[in-house]
Amino acid sequence: MSLESKAHPSNNEYTPYYQEPDDGYPAGHPRNSTVQFAVRYVSRKLIPQDSPLRMLFEGDDLLAFLRNLLPNEPLYRYSDDRGSLNYTVMGTNDQLGWHFDACELVASVLLRPADFGGDFEYIPAVRSTDDENFGAVESILSGQDERRKTITFQSGDLLLFRGRHSLHRVTSIEGTTTRLMALMSFDNVEQAPERDVPDDLLPP
């Protein structure tokens, strides 16, 4: 059985912060607004120890390379064991709505593109450590996303993306070919359980 066939399906509505909506905020507020997360995940526990992807992520070379790129910042492998290393599988009509990443940096490799769609779009520096900028997030969620940029992937391309402060999404998949990505995640704190992904997105 292929790893792809073992992927855990998730089709949920979350806020852009990987959380359930909070009705303590008014309607339309980003903390009380949802986007669709329709994707299948192959979690780390299903990836064999001798997998080239796992060996790359768990070895020293990639982390050392990334630390050299960011010499003035701490960098560690993402502490959420489920979310730190996985494959994403996206088929027809799957999509990931506008969201911020829970961790600081994700290294993504496109293994197979979809026939159509599956574009990676982002809006840089929407929020900061000191300012959530809810007004800008609300505007983007309502369709005012003229600042969005698109990254064109080819199979085998590696993307290093800092998505904790930049909103990003994957547009709806079209066609019969599934989009397959490998994701390796890193963070600027060694342990942060509050940044773990939801259980129904990636089960324990």
N, C-alpha and C. Protein backbone atom coordinates (compact mmCIF):
# COMPACT_ATOMS: atom_id res chain seq x y z
N MET A 1 0.85 -1.19 0.00
CA MET A 1 0.00 0.00 0.00
C MET A 1 0.89 1.25 0.00
N SER A 2 0.62 2.18 -0.89
CA SER A 2 1.44 3.38 -0.99
C SER A 2 1.16 4.32 0.17
N LEU A 3 2.14 5.18 0.46
CA LEU A 3 1.94 6.18 1.50
C LEU A 3 0.77 7.09 1.17
N GLU A 4 0.62 7.42 -0.11
CA GLU A 4 -0.46 8.32 -0.51
C GLU A 4 -1.82 7.75 -0.13
N SER A 5 -1.97 6.44 -0.25
CA SER A 5 -3.26 5.81 0.07
C SER A 5 -3.54 5.82 1.57
N LYS A 6 -2.51 6.06 2.40
CA LYS A 6 -2.69 6.11 3.85
C LYS A 6 -2.94 7.52 4.36
N ALA A 7 -3.02 8.48 3.47
CA ALA A 7 -3.16 9.88 3.89
C ALA A 7 -4.46 10.10 4.66
N HIS A 8 -4.37 10.86 5.73
CA HIS A 8 -5.52 11.17 6.58
C HIS A 8 -6.31 12.32 5.97
N PRO A 9 -7.60 12.10 5.65
CA PRO A 9 -8.39 13.18 5.05
C PRO A 9 -8.85 14.20 6.08
N SER A 10 -8.82 15.45 5.69
CA SER A 10 -9.32 16.52 6.54
C SER A 10 -10.06 17.52 5.67
N ASN A 11 -11.30 17.81 6.03
CA ASN A 11 -12.07 18.83 5.32
C ASN A 11 -12.82 19.62 6.39
N ASN A 12 -12.16 20.65 6.89
CA ASN A 12 -12.67 21.38 8.04
C ASN A 12 -12.65 22.88 7.78
N GLU A 13 -13.35 23.59 8.64
CA GLU A 13 -13.35 25.04 8.62
C GLU A 13 -12.62 25.52 9.88
N TYR A 14 -11.52 26.23 9.67
CA TYR A 14 -10.77 26.81 10.76
C TYR A 14 -10.60 28.31 10.53
N THR A 15 -10.22 29.01 11.58
CA THR A 15 -9.80 30.39 11.40
C THR A 15 -8.43 30.38 10.70
N PRO A 16 -7.96 31.52 10.24
CA PRO A 16 -6.62 31.56 9.64
C PRO A 16 -5.50 31.22 10.62
N TYR A 17 -5.85 30.99 11.89
CA TYR A 17 -4.87 30.70 12.92
C TYR A 17 -4.91 29.23 13.35
N TYR A 18 -5.49 28.37 12.53
CA TYR A 18 -5.61 26.94 12.84
C TYR A 18 -6.44 26.71 14.11
N GLN A 19 -7.46 27.49 14.33
CA GLN A 19 -8.28 27.37 15.53
C GLN A 19 -9.75 27.36 15.17
N GLU A 20 -10.56 26.89 16.12
CA GLU A 20 -12.01 26.99 15.98
C GLU A 20 -12.42 28.46 16.11
N PRO A 21 -13.50 28.87 15.43
CA PRO A 21 -13.94 30.26 15.57
C PRO A 21 -14.33 30.58 17.01
N ASP A 22 -14.05 31.80 17.42
CA ASP A 22 -14.32 32.27 18.78
C ASP A 22 -15.43 33.31 18.72
N ASP A 23 -16.64 32.93 19.18
CA ASP A 23 -17.77 33.86 19.09
C ASP A 23 -17.71 34.97 20.14
N GLY A 24 -16.61 35.01 20.89
CA GLY A 24 -16.36 36.16 21.74
C GLY A 24 -15.96 37.39 20.94
N TYR A 25 -15.62 37.15 19.67
CA TYR A 25 -15.32 38.25 18.75
C TYR A 25 -16.52 38.49 17.85
N PRO A 26 -16.67 39.70 17.31
CA PRO A 26 -17.83 39.98 16.45
C PRO A 26 -17.76 39.21 15.14
N ALA A 27 -18.90 39.04 14.49
CA ALA A 27 -18.95 38.39 13.18
C ALA A 27 -18.05 39.15 12.21
N GLY A 28 -17.29 38.39 11.42
CA GLY A 28 -16.39 39.01 10.46
C GLY A 28 -14.99 39.23 10.98
N HIS A 29 -14.82 39.18 12.31
CA HIS A 29 -13.48 39.32 12.87
C HIS A 29 -12.66 38.08 12.50
N PRO A 30 -11.36 38.22 12.20
CA PRO A 30 -10.56 37.06 11.80
C PRO A 30 -10.56 35.91 12.80
N ARG A 31 -10.71 36.22 14.09
CA ARG A 31 -10.76 35.15 15.10
C ARG A 31 -12.11 34.44 15.12
N ASN A 32 -13.08 34.99 14.40
CA ASN A 32 -14.41 34.40 14.34
C ASN A 32 -14.83 34.17 12.89
N SER A 33 -13.86 34.03 12.00
CA SER A 33 -14.11 33.76 10.58
C SER A 33 -13.35 32.51 10.18
N THR A 34 -13.91 31.74 9.27
CA THR A 34 -13.27 30.48 8.90
C THR A 34 -12.95 30.43 7.41
N VAL A 35 -11.97 29.59 7.11
CA VAL A 35 -11.61 29.26 5.73
C VAL A 35 -11.56 27.74 5.63
N GLN A 36 -11.58 27.23 4.44
CA GLN A 36 -11.61 25.78 4.25
C GLN A 36 -10.20 25.20 4.25
N PHE A 37 -10.04 24.11 4.99
CA PHE A 37 -8.83 23.31 4.97
C PHE A 37 -9.22 21.93 4.44
N ALA A 38 -9.08 21.72 3.15
CA ALA A 38 -9.42 20.44 2.52
C ALA A 38 -8.14 19.85 1.95
N VAL A 39 -7.60 18.86 2.64
CA VAL A 39 -6.29 18.31 2.29
C VAL A 39 -6.16 16.95 2.97
N ARG A 40 -5.30 16.11 2.44
CA ARG A 40 -4.97 14.84 3.09
C ARG A 40 -3.50 14.87 3.50
N TYR A 41 -3.23 14.35 4.70
CA TYR A 41 -1.87 14.37 5.24
C TYR A 41 -1.34 12.95 5.45
N VAL A 42 -0.09 12.75 5.07
CA VAL A 42 0.67 11.57 5.49
C VAL A 42 1.58 12.04 6.61
N SER A 43 1.29 11.62 7.83
CA SER A 43 2.02 12.14 8.98
C SER A 43 3.37 11.46 9.13
N ARG A 44 4.20 12.05 9.95
CA ARG A 44 5.57 11.60 10.15
C ARG A 44 5.65 10.13 10.58
N LYS A 45 4.71 9.71 11.42
CA LYS A 45 4.80 8.35 11.94
C LYS A 45 4.63 7.29 10.85
N LEU A 46 4.07 7.67 9.70
CA LEU A 46 3.89 6.73 8.59
C LEU A 46 5.07 6.73 7.62
N ILE A 47 5.98 7.66 7.78
CA ILE A 47 7.11 7.78 6.85
C ILE A 47 8.24 6.89 7.33
N PRO A 48 8.71 5.94 6.52
CA PRO A 48 9.74 4.99 6.96
C PRO A 48 11.03 5.68 7.41
N GLN A 49 11.74 5.04 8.33
CA GLN A 49 12.99 5.60 8.83
C GLN A 49 14.02 5.78 7.72
N ASP A 50 13.98 4.91 6.70
CA ASP A 50 14.98 5.00 5.63
C ASP A 50 14.49 5.84 4.45
N SER A 51 13.38 6.56 4.63
CA SER A 51 12.90 7.45 3.58
C SER A 51 13.90 8.58 3.36
N PRO A 52 14.24 8.90 2.11
CA PRO A 52 15.15 10.04 1.85
C PRO A 52 14.65 11.33 2.48
N LEU A 53 13.33 11.55 2.47
CA LEU A 53 12.79 12.76 3.07
C LEU A 53 13.05 12.79 4.57
N ARG A 54 12.81 11.69 5.22
CA ARG A 54 13.02 11.64 6.67
C ARG A 54 14.50 11.78 7.01
N MET A 55 15.35 11.15 6.23
CA MET A 55 16.79 11.25 6.48
C MET A 55 17.27 12.68 6.28
N LEU A 56 16.73 13.38 5.29
CA LEU A 56 17.10 14.78 5.06
C LEU A 56 16.66 15.64 6.24
N PHE A 57 15.43 15.45 6.69
CA PHE A 57 14.89 16.28 7.76
C PHE A 57 15.58 16.01 9.09
N GLU A 58 15.84 14.76 9.40
CA GLU A 58 16.39 14.40 10.70
C GLU A 58 17.91 14.48 10.75
N GLY A 59 18.55 14.59 9.59
CA GLY A 59 20.00 14.76 9.55
C GLY A 59 20.40 16.18 9.90
N ASP A 60 21.71 16.41 9.96
CA ASP A 60 22.22 17.71 10.40
C ASP A 60 22.37 18.71 9.27
N ASP A 61 22.51 18.24 8.03
CA ASP A 61 22.91 19.14 6.95
C ASP A 61 21.85 20.20 6.65
N LEU A 62 20.58 19.80 6.54
CA LEU A 62 19.54 20.76 6.19
C LEU A 62 19.39 21.82 7.28
N LEU A 63 19.35 21.40 8.53
CA LEU A 63 19.20 22.36 9.63
C LEU A 63 20.39 23.32 9.67
N ALA A 64 21.60 22.79 9.45
CA ALA A 64 22.78 23.66 9.43
C ALA A 64 22.70 24.66 8.29
N PHE A 65 22.23 24.22 7.13
CA PHE A 65 22.07 25.11 5.98
C PHE A 65 21.09 26.23 6.30
N LEU A 66 19.96 25.90 6.90
CA LEU A 66 18.96 26.90 7.22
C LEU A 66 19.46 27.86 8.30
N ARG A 67 20.20 27.35 9.26
CA ARG A 67 20.75 28.23 10.29
C ARG A 67 21.78 29.20 9.69
N ASN A 68 22.50 28.76 8.68
CA ASN A 68 23.43 29.66 8.00
C ASN A 68 22.69 30.76 7.24
N LEU A 69 21.50 30.43 6.73
CA LEU A 69 20.70 31.45 6.05
C LEU A 69 20.14 32.48 7.03
N LEU A 70 19.92 32.05 8.26
CA LEU A 70 19.32 32.91 9.29
C LEU A 70 20.24 32.96 10.51
N PRO A 71 21.43 33.51 10.35
CA PRO A 71 22.44 33.40 11.41
C PRO A 71 22.10 34.15 12.70
N ASN A 72 21.19 35.09 12.63
CA ASN A 72 20.87 35.90 13.81
C ASN A 72 19.60 35.45 14.52
N GLU A 73 19.07 34.30 14.11
CA GLU A 73 17.83 33.81 14.70
C GLU A 73 17.99 32.37 15.16
N PRO A 74 17.36 32.00 16.28
CA PRO A 74 17.36 30.58 16.66
C PRO A 74 16.48 29.79 15.70
N LEU A 75 16.85 28.55 15.44
CA LEU A 75 16.05 27.70 14.56
C LEU A 75 16.18 26.25 14.99
N TYR A 76 15.02 25.59 15.10
CA TYR A 76 14.95 24.21 15.54
C TYR A 76 13.95 23.47 14.65
N ARG A 77 14.02 22.15 14.68
CA ARG A 77 12.95 21.39 14.05
C ARG A 77 11.65 21.65 14.84
N TYR A 78 10.57 21.78 14.12
CA TYR A 78 9.26 22.06 14.73
C TYR A 78 8.95 20.99 15.77
N SER A 79 8.54 21.43 16.97
CA SER A 79 8.39 20.50 18.09
C SER A 79 7.16 19.61 18.00
N ASP A 80 6.17 19.97 17.16
CA ASP A 80 4.99 19.12 16.98
C ASP A 80 5.39 17.93 16.11
N ASP A 81 5.49 16.76 16.72
CA ASP A 81 6.00 15.60 16.00
C ASP A 81 5.14 15.25 14.79
N ARG A 82 3.84 15.52 14.86
CA ARG A 82 2.96 15.20 13.74
C ARG A 82 3.13 16.19 12.60
N GLY A 83 3.27 17.47 12.96
CA GLY A 83 3.31 18.51 11.95
C GLY A 83 4.69 18.84 11.42
N SER A 84 5.72 18.24 12.02
CA SER A 84 7.08 18.62 11.65
C SER A 84 7.50 18.08 10.29
N LEU A 85 6.98 16.93 9.92
CA LEU A 85 7.38 16.27 8.67
C LEU A 85 6.19 15.51 8.12
N ASN A 86 5.77 15.84 6.92
CA ASN A 86 4.64 15.13 6.32
C ASN A 86 4.56 15.38 4.83
N TYR A 87 3.72 14.61 4.21
CA TYR A 87 3.33 14.83 2.82
C TYR A 87 1.90 15.36 2.81
N THR A 88 1.60 16.26 1.89
CA THR A 88 0.21 16.65 1.67
C THR A 88 -0.24 16.14 0.31
N VAL A 89 -1.46 15.62 0.29
CA VAL A 89 -2.07 15.12 -0.94
C VAL A 89 -3.35 15.91 -1.16
N MET A 90 -3.48 16.53 -2.32
CA MET A 90 -4.67 17.34 -2.61
C MET A 90 -5.25 16.92 -3.94
N GLY A 91 -6.55 16.57 -3.93
CA GLY A 91 -7.25 16.15 -5.13
C GLY A 91 -8.29 17.18 -5.55
N THR A 92 -9.15 16.78 -6.45
CA THR A 92 -10.15 17.69 -7.03
C THR A 92 -10.94 18.43 -5.94
N ASN A 93 -10.97 19.75 -6.07
CA ASN A 93 -11.70 20.67 -5.18
C ASN A 93 -11.05 20.86 -3.82
N ASP A 94 -9.96 20.16 -3.54
CA ASP A 94 -9.24 20.42 -2.29
C ASP A 94 -8.59 21.80 -2.36
N GLN A 95 -8.45 22.41 -1.20
CA GLN A 95 -7.82 23.73 -1.13
C GLN A 95 -7.42 24.02 0.30
N LEU A 96 -6.51 24.96 0.47
CA LEU A 96 -6.16 25.48 1.78
C LEU A 96 -6.41 26.98 1.75
N GLY A 97 -7.37 27.44 2.57
CA GLY A 97 -7.70 28.85 2.57
C GLY A 97 -6.61 29.70 3.21
N TRP A 98 -6.81 31.00 3.18
CA TRP A 98 -5.83 31.93 3.75
C TRP A 98 -5.54 31.57 5.21
N HIS A 99 -4.26 31.44 5.54
CA HIS A 99 -3.89 31.10 6.92
C HIS A 99 -2.45 31.51 7.20
N PHE A 100 -2.15 31.58 8.48
CA PHE A 100 -0.78 31.73 8.96
C PHE A 100 -0.27 30.36 9.42
N ASP A 101 1.00 30.10 9.23
CA ASP A 101 1.56 28.85 9.74
C ASP A 101 1.74 28.93 11.25
N ALA A 102 1.68 27.77 11.89
CA ALA A 102 1.90 27.71 13.33
C ALA A 102 3.38 27.83 13.67
N CYS A 103 4.25 27.46 12.74
CA CYS A 103 5.69 27.49 12.97
C CYS A 103 6.34 28.58 12.11
N GLU A 104 7.63 28.76 12.30
CA GLU A 104 8.33 29.89 11.69
C GLU A 104 8.69 29.68 10.22
N LEU A 105 9.10 28.47 9.86
CA LEU A 105 9.65 28.24 8.52
C LEU A 105 9.25 26.85 8.03
N VAL A 106 8.83 26.76 6.78
CA VAL A 106 8.52 25.47 6.17
C VAL A 106 9.33 25.33 4.88
N ALA A 107 10.01 24.20 4.77
CA ALA A 107 10.71 23.85 3.53
C ALA A 107 9.82 22.88 2.77
N SER A 108 9.36 23.29 1.59
CA SER A 108 8.40 22.50 0.80
C SER A 108 9.05 22.04 -0.49
N VAL A 109 8.76 20.81 -0.87
CA VAL A 109 9.22 20.28 -2.16
C VAL A 109 8.00 19.80 -2.93
N LEU A 110 7.80 20.34 -4.12
CA LEU A 110 6.70 19.87 -4.96
C LEU A 110 7.14 18.58 -5.65
N LEU A 111 6.44 17.50 -5.35
CA LEU A 111 6.74 16.21 -5.95
C LEU A 111 5.90 15.94 -7.19
N ARG A 112 4.66 16.45 -7.17
CA ARG A 112 3.79 16.27 -8.33
C ARG A 112 2.74 17.39 -8.35
N PRO A 113 2.69 18.16 -9.43
CA PRO A 113 1.68 19.22 -9.51
C PRO A 113 0.33 18.66 -9.93
N ALA A 114 -0.72 19.41 -9.64
CA ALA A 114 -2.05 19.08 -10.15
C ALA A 114 -2.14 19.43 -11.63
N ASP A 115 -3.16 18.92 -12.29
CA ASP A 115 -3.38 19.29 -13.69
C ASP A 115 -3.60 20.80 -13.81
N PHE A 116 -4.45 21.32 -12.94
CA PHE A 116 -4.75 22.75 -12.91
C PHE A 116 -4.99 23.16 -11.47
N GLY A 117 -4.81 24.44 -11.18
CA GLY A 117 -5.01 24.92 -9.82
C GLY A 117 -3.87 24.51 -8.91
N GLY A 118 -4.13 24.58 -7.61
CA GLY A 118 -3.08 24.27 -6.65
C GLY A 118 -1.99 25.32 -6.60
N ASP A 119 -2.34 26.57 -6.94
CA ASP A 119 -1.35 27.64 -6.93
C ASP A 119 -1.06 28.07 -5.49
N PHE A 120 0.20 28.34 -5.22
CA PHE A 120 0.60 28.85 -3.91
C PHE A 120 0.60 30.37 -3.97
N GLU A 121 -0.28 30.99 -3.20
CA GLU A 121 -0.40 32.44 -3.18
C GLU A 121 -0.11 32.95 -1.77
N TYR A 122 0.49 34.12 -1.69
CA TYR A 122 0.80 34.66 -0.37
C TYR A 122 0.75 36.19 -0.38
N ILE A 123 0.57 36.74 0.80
CA ILE A 123 0.61 38.18 1.02
C ILE A 123 1.62 38.41 2.13
N PRO A 124 2.75 39.05 1.82
CA PRO A 124 3.84 39.12 2.80
C PRO A 124 3.57 40.06 3.96
N ALA A 125 4.13 39.68 5.11
CA ALA A 125 4.20 40.55 6.29
C ALA A 125 2.86 41.19 6.65
N VAL A 126 1.82 40.37 6.74
CA VAL A 126 0.50 40.90 7.11
C VAL A 126 0.46 41.27 8.59
N ARG A 127 1.09 40.46 9.42
CA ARG A 127 1.12 40.75 10.85
C ARG A 127 2.57 40.70 11.33
N SER A 128 2.77 41.06 12.59
CA SER A 128 4.10 41.00 13.19
C SER A 128 3.97 40.46 14.61
N THR A 129 5.09 40.28 15.26
CA THR A 129 5.07 39.81 16.64
C THR A 129 4.32 40.77 17.54
N ASP A 130 4.38 42.05 17.22
CA ASP A 130 3.77 43.08 18.07
C ASP A 130 2.39 43.53 17.61
N ASP A 131 1.99 43.17 16.40
CA ASP A 131 0.73 43.69 15.86
C ASP A 131 0.05 42.62 15.02
N GLU A 132 -1.11 42.14 15.48
CA GLU A 132 -1.86 41.14 14.73
C GLU A 132 -2.48 41.71 13.45
N ASN A 133 -2.67 43.02 13.41
CA ASN A 133 -3.20 43.69 12.21
C ASN A 133 -4.50 43.04 11.74
N PHE A 134 -5.44 42.89 12.67
CA PHE A 134 -6.70 42.22 12.36
C PHE A 134 -7.45 42.90 11.22
N GLY A 135 -7.34 44.22 11.13
CA GLY A 135 -8.04 44.92 10.06
C GLY A 135 -7.59 44.48 8.69
N ALA A 136 -6.29 44.31 8.50
CA ALA A 136 -5.77 43.85 7.21
C ALA A 136 -6.19 42.41 6.94
N VAL A 137 -6.14 41.57 7.97
CA VAL A 137 -6.54 40.17 7.79
C VAL A 137 -8.01 40.10 7.40
N GLU A 138 -8.85 40.87 8.07
CA GLU A 138 -10.28 40.87 7.75
C GLU A 138 -10.52 41.32 6.31
N SER A 139 -9.79 42.33 5.86
CA SER A 139 -9.94 42.81 4.48
C SER A 139 -9.55 41.73 3.47
N ILE A 140 -8.46 41.02 3.75
CA ILE A 140 -8.01 39.97 2.84
C ILE A 140 -9.04 38.84 2.78
N LEU A 141 -9.57 38.45 3.93
CA LEU A 141 -10.56 37.38 3.96
C LEU A 141 -11.83 37.77 3.21
N SER A 142 -12.11 39.06 3.14
CA SER A 142 -13.31 39.53 2.44
C SER A 142 -13.07 39.73 0.95
N GLY A 143 -11.85 39.40 0.49
CA GLY A 143 -11.58 39.45 -0.95
C GLY A 143 -10.68 40.58 -1.40
N GLN A 144 -10.27 41.44 -0.49
CA GLN A 144 -9.37 42.54 -0.86
C GLN A 144 -7.92 42.06 -0.76
N ASP A 145 -7.54 41.24 -1.73
CA ASP A 145 -6.24 40.59 -1.69
C ASP A 145 -5.36 40.98 -2.88
N GLU A 146 -5.44 42.25 -3.27
CA GLU A 146 -4.70 42.70 -4.45
C GLU A 146 -3.19 42.58 -4.28
N ARG A 147 -2.70 42.53 -3.06
CA ARG A 147 -1.26 42.41 -2.82
C ARG A 147 -0.76 40.98 -2.95
N ARG A 148 -1.63 40.05 -3.25
CA ARG A 148 -1.20 38.65 -3.26
C ARG A 148 -0.19 38.40 -4.38
N LYS A 149 0.73 37.50 -4.09
CA LYS A 149 1.75 37.09 -5.04
C LYS A 149 1.61 35.59 -5.25
N THR A 150 2.00 35.11 -6.42
CA THR A 150 1.91 33.69 -6.75
C THR A 150 3.30 33.15 -7.01
N ILE A 151 3.61 32.00 -6.41
CA ILE A 151 4.88 31.32 -6.66
C ILE A 151 4.61 30.16 -7.60
N THR A 152 5.31 30.14 -8.71
CA THR A 152 5.16 29.07 -9.70
C THR A 152 6.14 27.96 -9.38
N PHE A 153 5.62 26.77 -9.13
CA PHE A 153 6.43 25.60 -8.80
C PHE A 153 6.63 24.73 -10.03
N GLN A 154 7.79 24.09 -10.09
CA GLN A 154 8.03 22.96 -10.98
C GLN A 154 8.34 21.75 -10.10
N SER A 155 8.07 20.56 -10.60
CA SER A 155 8.37 19.35 -9.83
C SER A 155 9.83 19.36 -9.40
N GLY A 156 10.05 19.09 -8.12
CA GLY A 156 11.41 19.05 -7.58
C GLY A 156 11.87 20.36 -6.98
N ASP A 157 11.11 21.44 -7.17
CA ASP A 157 11.51 22.74 -6.61
C ASP A 157 11.39 22.73 -5.09
N LEU A 158 12.35 23.39 -4.44
CA LEU A 158 12.34 23.57 -2.99
C LEU A 158 11.97 25.02 -2.69
N LEU A 159 10.97 25.21 -1.84
CA LEU A 159 10.56 26.54 -1.41
C LEU A 159 10.79 26.67 0.09
N LEU A 160 11.49 27.72 0.49
CA LEU A 160 11.63 28.05 1.90
C LEU A 160 10.71 29.23 2.17
N PHE A 161 9.72 29.02 3.01
CA PHE A 161 8.69 30.05 3.22
C PHE A 161 8.47 30.29 4.70
N ARG A 162 8.46 31.58 5.07
CA ARG A 162 8.20 31.97 6.44
C ARG A 162 6.74 32.43 6.53
N GLY A 163 5.89 31.53 6.96
CA GLY A 163 4.45 31.78 6.90
C GLY A 163 3.80 32.13 8.21
N ARG A 164 4.58 32.37 9.25
CA ARG A 164 3.96 32.68 10.54
C ARG A 164 3.37 34.09 10.55
N HIS A 165 3.91 34.98 9.73
CA HIS A 165 3.42 36.35 9.68
C HIS A 165 2.87 36.74 8.32
N SER A 166 2.98 35.85 7.34
CA SER A 166 2.49 36.12 5.99
C SER A 166 1.31 35.20 5.68
N LEU A 167 0.17 35.77 5.35
CA LEU A 167 -0.97 34.94 4.95
C LEU A 167 -0.65 34.24 3.64
N HIS A 168 -1.13 32.99 3.52
CA HIS A 168 -0.90 32.25 2.29
C HIS A 168 -2.00 31.21 2.12
N ARG A 169 -2.13 30.72 0.90
CA ARG A 169 -3.16 29.72 0.61
C ARG A 169 -2.73 28.88 -0.58
N VAL A 170 -3.44 27.76 -0.77
CA VAL A 170 -3.31 26.93 -1.97
C VAL A 170 -4.67 26.91 -2.63
N THR A 171 -4.74 27.34 -3.88
CA THR A 171 -6.02 27.45 -4.57
C THR A 171 -6.58 26.08 -4.92
N SER A 172 -7.86 26.04 -5.23
CA SER A 172 -8.59 24.80 -5.46
C SER A 172 -7.96 23.96 -6.58
N ILE A 173 -7.90 22.67 -6.33
CA ILE A 173 -7.33 21.72 -7.29
C ILE A 173 -8.36 21.38 -8.36
N GLU A 174 -7.90 21.32 -9.61
CA GLU A 174 -8.75 20.89 -10.72
C GLU A 174 -8.04 19.77 -11.48
N GLY A 175 -8.84 18.87 -12.04
CA GLY A 175 -8.27 17.76 -12.79
C GLY A 175 -8.16 16.50 -11.95
N THR A 176 -7.66 15.44 -12.56
CA THR A 176 -7.63 14.13 -11.90
C THR A 176 -6.29 13.81 -11.24
N THR A 177 -5.26 14.59 -11.51
CA THR A 177 -3.94 14.34 -10.92
C THR A 177 -3.84 15.00 -9.56
N THR A 178 -3.50 14.23 -8.54
CA THR A 178 -3.36 14.79 -7.20
C THR A 178 -2.05 15.57 -7.09
N ARG A 179 -2.12 16.63 -6.32
CA ARG A 179 -0.94 17.45 -6.02
C ARG A 179 -0.25 16.88 -4.80
N LEU A 180 1.04 16.60 -4.90
CA LEU A 180 1.78 15.94 -3.82
C LEU A 180 2.96 16.82 -3.41
N MET A 181 2.99 17.17 -2.13
CA MET A 181 4.05 18.02 -1.58
C MET A 181 4.70 17.33 -0.39
N ALA A 182 5.99 17.56 -0.21
CA ALA A 182 6.70 17.16 1.00
C ALA A 182 6.97 18.42 1.82
N LEU A 183 6.67 18.37 3.12
CA LEU A 183 6.79 19.53 3.99
C LEU A 183 7.69 19.20 5.18
N MET A 184 8.69 20.05 5.40
CA MET A 184 9.59 19.93 6.54
C MET A 184 9.54 21.25 7.31
N SER A 185 9.17 21.19 8.59
CA SER A 185 8.85 22.42 9.33
C SER A 185 9.85 22.70 10.44
N PHE A 186 10.11 23.99 10.62
CA PHE A 186 11.10 24.46 11.59
C PHE A 186 10.51 25.64 12.37
N ASP A 187 11.07 25.87 13.57
CA ASP A 187 10.51 26.93 14.40
C ASP A 187 11.63 27.68 15.11
N ASN A 188 11.28 28.85 15.66
CA ASN A 188 12.28 29.66 16.36
C ASN A 188 12.26 29.44 17.86
N VAL A 189 11.47 28.47 18.31
CA VAL A 189 11.47 28.04 19.71
C VAL A 189 11.62 26.52 19.73
N GLU A 190 12.30 26.02 20.75
CA GLU A 190 12.60 24.58 20.77
C GLU A 190 11.38 23.75 21.12
N GLN A 191 10.55 24.24 22.02
CA GLN A 191 9.33 23.55 22.42
C GLN A 191 8.20 24.57 22.54
N ALA A 192 7.08 24.32 21.87
CA ALA A 192 5.94 25.24 21.94
C ALA A 192 4.66 24.46 21.68
N PRO A 193 4.15 23.71 22.68
CA PRO A 193 2.94 22.90 22.48
C PRO A 193 1.74 23.72 22.01
N GLU A 194 1.70 25.00 22.37
CA GLU A 194 0.57 25.84 21.96
C GLU A 194 0.55 26.08 20.45
N ARG A 195 1.64 25.73 19.76
CA ARG A 195 1.70 25.88 18.31
C ARG A 195 1.38 24.58 17.57
N ASP A 196 1.01 23.53 18.28
CA ASP A 196 0.70 22.26 17.63
C ASP A 196 -0.53 22.41 16.73
N VAL A 197 -0.57 21.59 15.68
CA VAL A 197 -1.71 21.62 14.76
C VAL A 197 -2.89 20.89 15.40
N PRO A 198 -4.14 21.19 14.97
CA PRO A 198 -5.32 20.53 15.56
C PRO A 198 -5.32 19.02 15.32
N ASP A 199 -5.89 18.28 16.27
CA ASP A 199 -5.92 16.82 16.17
C ASP A 199 -6.70 16.33 14.97
N ASP A 200 -7.78 17.03 14.59
CA ASP A 200 -8.57 16.52 13.47
C ASP A 200 -7.93 16.87 12.12
N LEU A 201 -6.93 17.74 12.12
CA LEU A 201 -6.18 18.00 10.90
C LEU A 201 -5.10 16.94 10.73
N LEU A 202 -4.38 16.69 11.80
CA LEU A 202 -3.37 15.63 11.83
C LEU A 202 -3.58 14.84 13.11
N PRO A 203 -4.11 13.62 13.04
CA PRO A 203 -4.43 12.88 14.25
C PRO A 203 -3.17 12.45 15.00
N PRO A 204 -3.28 12.26 16.34
CA PRO A 204 -2.13 11.80 17.13
C PRO A 204 -1.61 10.47 16.64
